[in-house]
Amino acid sequence: MGGASGTKTGSTYTIDLESGNSFNLILNANCTFTFSNPPASGTVGKFILALKQDPTGSRTVTWPSSVKWPAGTAPTLTTTAYRYDVLQFSTYDGGTTWF
C-alpha cells in the first residue's frame, strides 16, 4: 500500500508510485498533479487518490495530459469544504496513458 495520508498538496503535487498506491490528499490550493515512477510497460499499475477539500473549498485540479477520461471529459470534483472525491487510475503502458 503506502502512499500519502492527510498530506496537503500546495499548488503542485507529484504522485510518486514508488511510495505506494493509495494517496489521501488535502487540497489547500488549486493543484496541478503529475504522476511519476509507474510500473514498466506491460505491467498493469493502479492507484487510488482521495482528494479532500480544505476548510476554504472551491479548490480545482489540473490533471496530466496522459490521463484519458471517459468521453474526453474530466469528472467535476466536489468543491464543498471538507468533502471528498475518490478516483482510481490505471495504466498498462508504463504511464504513457492513464485511465
C-alpha atoms as a PDB file:
ATOM      1  CA  MET A   1       0.000   0.000   0.000  1.00  0.00           C
ATOM      2  CA  GLY A   2       1.849   3.088   1.204  1.00  0.00           C
ATOM      3  CA  GLY A   3       1.458   6.477  -0.405  1.00  0.00           C
ATOM      4  CA  ALA A   4       0.495   9.678   1.367  1.00  0.00           C
ATOM      5  CA  SER A   5      -2.121  10.195   4.058  1.00  0.00           C
ATOM      6  CA  GLY A   6      -3.503  13.577   5.050  1.00  0.00           C
ATOM      7  CA  THR A   7      -0.810  15.379   3.053  1.00  0.00           C
ATOM      8  CA  LYS A   8      -1.511  18.930   1.882  1.00  0.00           C
ATOM      9  CA  THR A   9      -0.947  19.414  -1.821  1.00  0.00           C
ATOM     10  CA  GLY A  10       0.035  23.027  -2.373  1.00  0.00           C
ATOM     11  CA  SER A  11      -0.159  24.322  -5.962  1.00  0.00           C
ATOM     12  CA  THR A  12       1.678  21.283  -7.396  1.00  0.00           C
ATOM     13  CA  TYR A  13       1.903  17.697  -6.251  1.00  0.00           C
ATOM     14  CA  THR A  14       3.660  14.635  -7.646  1.00  0.00           C
ATOM     15  CA  ILE A  15       2.016  11.248  -7.135  1.00  0.00           C
ATOM     16  CA  ASP A  16       5.107   9.032  -6.745  1.00  0.00           C
ATOM     17  CA  LEU A  17       4.085   5.430  -7.315  1.00  0.00           C
ATOM     18  CA  GLU A  18       7.301   4.156  -5.751  1.00  0.00           C
ATOM     19  CA  SER A  19       5.897   5.332  -2.405  1.00  0.00           C
ATOM     20  CA  GLY A  20       2.661   3.350  -2.700  1.00  0.00           C
ATOM     21  CA  ASN A  21      -0.699   3.094  -4.414  1.00  0.00           C
ATOM     22  CA  SER A  22      -3.048   4.913  -2.045  1.00  0.00           C
ATOM     23  CA  PHE A  23      -2.990   8.690  -1.627  1.00  0.00           C
ATOM     24  CA  ASN A  24      -5.229  10.677   0.741  1.00  0.00           C
ATOM     25  CA  LEU A  25      -4.555  14.334  -0.024  1.00  0.00           C
ATOM     26  CA  ILE A  26      -5.947  17.647   1.208  1.00  0.00           C
ATOM     27  CA  LEU A  27      -6.404  20.289  -1.470  1.00  0.00           C
ATOM     28  CA  ASN A  28      -5.245  23.523   0.150  1.00  0.00           C
ATOM     29  CA  ALA A  29      -4.713  25.348  -3.166  1.00  0.00           C
ATOM     30  CA  ASN A  30      -5.624  24.871  -6.804  1.00  0.00           C
ATOM     31  CA  CYS A  31      -3.321  21.985  -7.688  1.00  0.00           C
ATOM     32  CA  THR A  32      -1.571  20.621 -10.775  1.00  0.00           C
ATOM     33  CA  PHE A  33      -0.762  16.913 -10.483  1.00  0.00           C
ATOM     34  CA  THR A  34       1.995  14.863 -12.063  1.00  0.00           C
ATOM     35  CA  PHE A  35       2.396  11.077 -11.839  1.00  0.00           C
ATOM     36  CA  SER A  36       5.880   9.557 -11.524  1.00  0.00           C
ATOM     37  CA  ASN A  37       7.525   6.114 -11.364  1.00  0.00           C
ATOM     38  CA  PRO A  38       4.776   3.970 -12.904  1.00  0.00           C
ATOM     39  CA  PRO A  39       5.378   0.237 -13.382  1.00  0.00           C
ATOM     40  CA  ALA A  40       7.095  -0.913 -16.561  1.00  0.00           C
ATOM     41  CA  SER A  41       5.159  -1.160 -19.808  1.00  0.00           C
ATOM     42  CA  GLY A  42       3.262  -4.437 -19.997  1.00  0.00           C
ATOM     43  CA  THR A  43       2.592  -4.417 -16.260  1.00  0.00           C
ATOM     44  CA  VAL A  44      -0.724  -3.087 -15.023  1.00  0.00           C
ATOM     45  CA  GLY A  45      -0.344  -0.399 -12.395  1.00  0.00           C
ATOM     46  CA  LYS A  46      -3.032   1.439 -10.494  1.00  0.00           C
ATOM     47  CA  PHE A  47      -3.544   3.758  -7.591  1.00  0.00           C
ATOM     48  CA  ILE A  48      -6.368   5.312  -5.606  1.00  0.00           C
ATOM     49  CA  LEU A  49      -6.485   9.037  -4.983  1.00  0.00           C
ATOM     50  CA  ALA A  50      -8.751  10.527  -2.308  1.00  0.00           C
ATOM     51  CA  LEU A  51      -8.950  14.316  -2.508  1.00  0.00           C
ATOM     52  CA  LYS A  52     -10.406  16.335   0.349  1.00  0.00           C
ATOM     53  CA  GLN A  53     -11.275  19.997   0.069  1.00  0.00           C
ATOM     54  CA  ASP A  54      -9.770  22.146   2.832  1.00  0.00           C
ATOM     55  CA  PRO A  55     -11.925  24.481   5.010  1.00  0.00           C
ATOM     56  CA  THR A  56     -11.979  27.052   2.183  1.00  0.00           C
ATOM     57  CA  GLY A  57     -13.188  24.626  -0.507  1.00  0.00           C
ATOM     58  CA  SER A  58     -13.556  25.501  -4.205  1.00  0.00           C
ATOM     59  CA  ARG A  59     -10.082  24.109  -4.984  1.00  0.00           C
ATOM     60  CA  THR A  60      -9.546  22.957  -8.564  1.00  0.00           C
ATOM     61  CA  VAL A  61      -7.307  20.293 -10.074  1.00  0.00           C
ATOM     62  CA  THR A  62      -5.312  20.138 -13.294  1.00  0.00           C
ATOM     63  CA  TRP A  63      -4.507  16.608 -14.449  1.00  0.00           C
ATOM     64  CA  PRO A  64      -1.554  15.361 -16.515  1.00  0.00           C
ATOM     65  CA  SER A  65      -2.259  15.207 -20.255  1.00  0.00           C
ATOM     66  CA  SER A  66      -1.586  11.454 -20.072  1.00  0.00           C
ATOM     67  CA  VAL A  67      -4.922  10.949 -18.259  1.00  0.00           C
ATOM     68  CA  LYS A  68      -7.658   9.841 -20.668  1.00  0.00           C
ATOM     69  CA  TRP A  69     -11.134  10.433 -19.252  1.00  0.00           C
ATOM     70  CA  PRO A  70     -14.325   8.729 -20.450  1.00  0.00           C
ATOM     71  CA  ALA A  71     -15.804  10.819 -23.289  1.00  0.00           C
ATOM     72  CA  GLY A  72     -12.700  13.054 -23.023  1.00  0.00           C
ATOM     73  CA  THR A  73     -14.020  14.998 -20.028  1.00  0.00           C
ATOM     74  CA  ALA A  74     -12.562  15.007 -16.518  1.00  0.00           C
ATOM     75  CA  PRO A  75     -15.100  14.495 -13.731  1.00  0.00           C
ATOM     76  CA  THR A  76     -16.416  17.511 -11.869  1.00  0.00           C
ATOM     77  CA  LEU A  77     -14.900  17.439  -8.398  1.00  0.00           C
ATOM     78  CA  THR A  78     -16.775  18.365  -5.253  1.00  0.00           C
ATOM     79  CA  THR A  79     -15.884  21.914  -4.229  1.00  0.00           C
ATOM     80  CA  THR A  80     -17.660  21.984  -0.861  1.00  0.00           C
ATOM     81  CA  ALA A  81     -15.345  22.486   2.126  1.00  0.00           C
ATOM     82  CA  TYR A  82     -14.249  19.228   3.838  1.00  0.00           C
ATOM     83  CA  ARG A  83     -15.808  16.987   1.148  1.00  0.00           C
ATOM     84  CA  TYR A  84     -14.014  14.092  -0.589  1.00  0.00           C
ATOM     85  CA  ASP A  85     -13.707  12.737  -4.104  1.00  0.00           C
ATOM     86  CA  VAL A  86     -12.144   9.310  -4.662  1.00  0.00           C
ATOM     87  CA  LEU A  87     -10.630   8.389  -8.026  1.00  0.00           C
ATOM     88  CA  GLN A  88      -8.823   5.312  -9.309  1.00  0.00           C
ATOM     89  CA  PHE A  89      -6.209   5.463 -12.068  1.00  0.00           C
ATOM     90  CA  SER A  90      -4.667   2.595 -14.024  1.00  0.00           C
ATOM     91  CA  THR A  91      -2.030   2.191 -16.727  1.00  0.00           C
ATOM     92  CA  TYR A  92      -0.613  -0.684 -18.739  1.00  0.00           C
ATOM     93  CA  ASP A  93       1.930   1.165 -20.879  1.00  0.00           C
ATOM     94  CA  GLY A  94       4.420   2.487 -18.346  1.00  0.00           C
ATOM     95  CA  GLY A  95       2.370   5.601 -17.554  1.00  0.00           C
ATOM     96  CA  THR A  96       2.124   6.900 -21.128  1.00  0.00           C
ATOM     97  CA  THR A  97      -1.650   6.653 -20.729  1.00  0.00           C
ATOM     98  CA  TRP A  98      -3.696   6.650 -17.527  1.00  0.00           C
ATOM     99  CA  PHE A  99      -7.353   5.659 -17.376  1.00  0.00           C
END
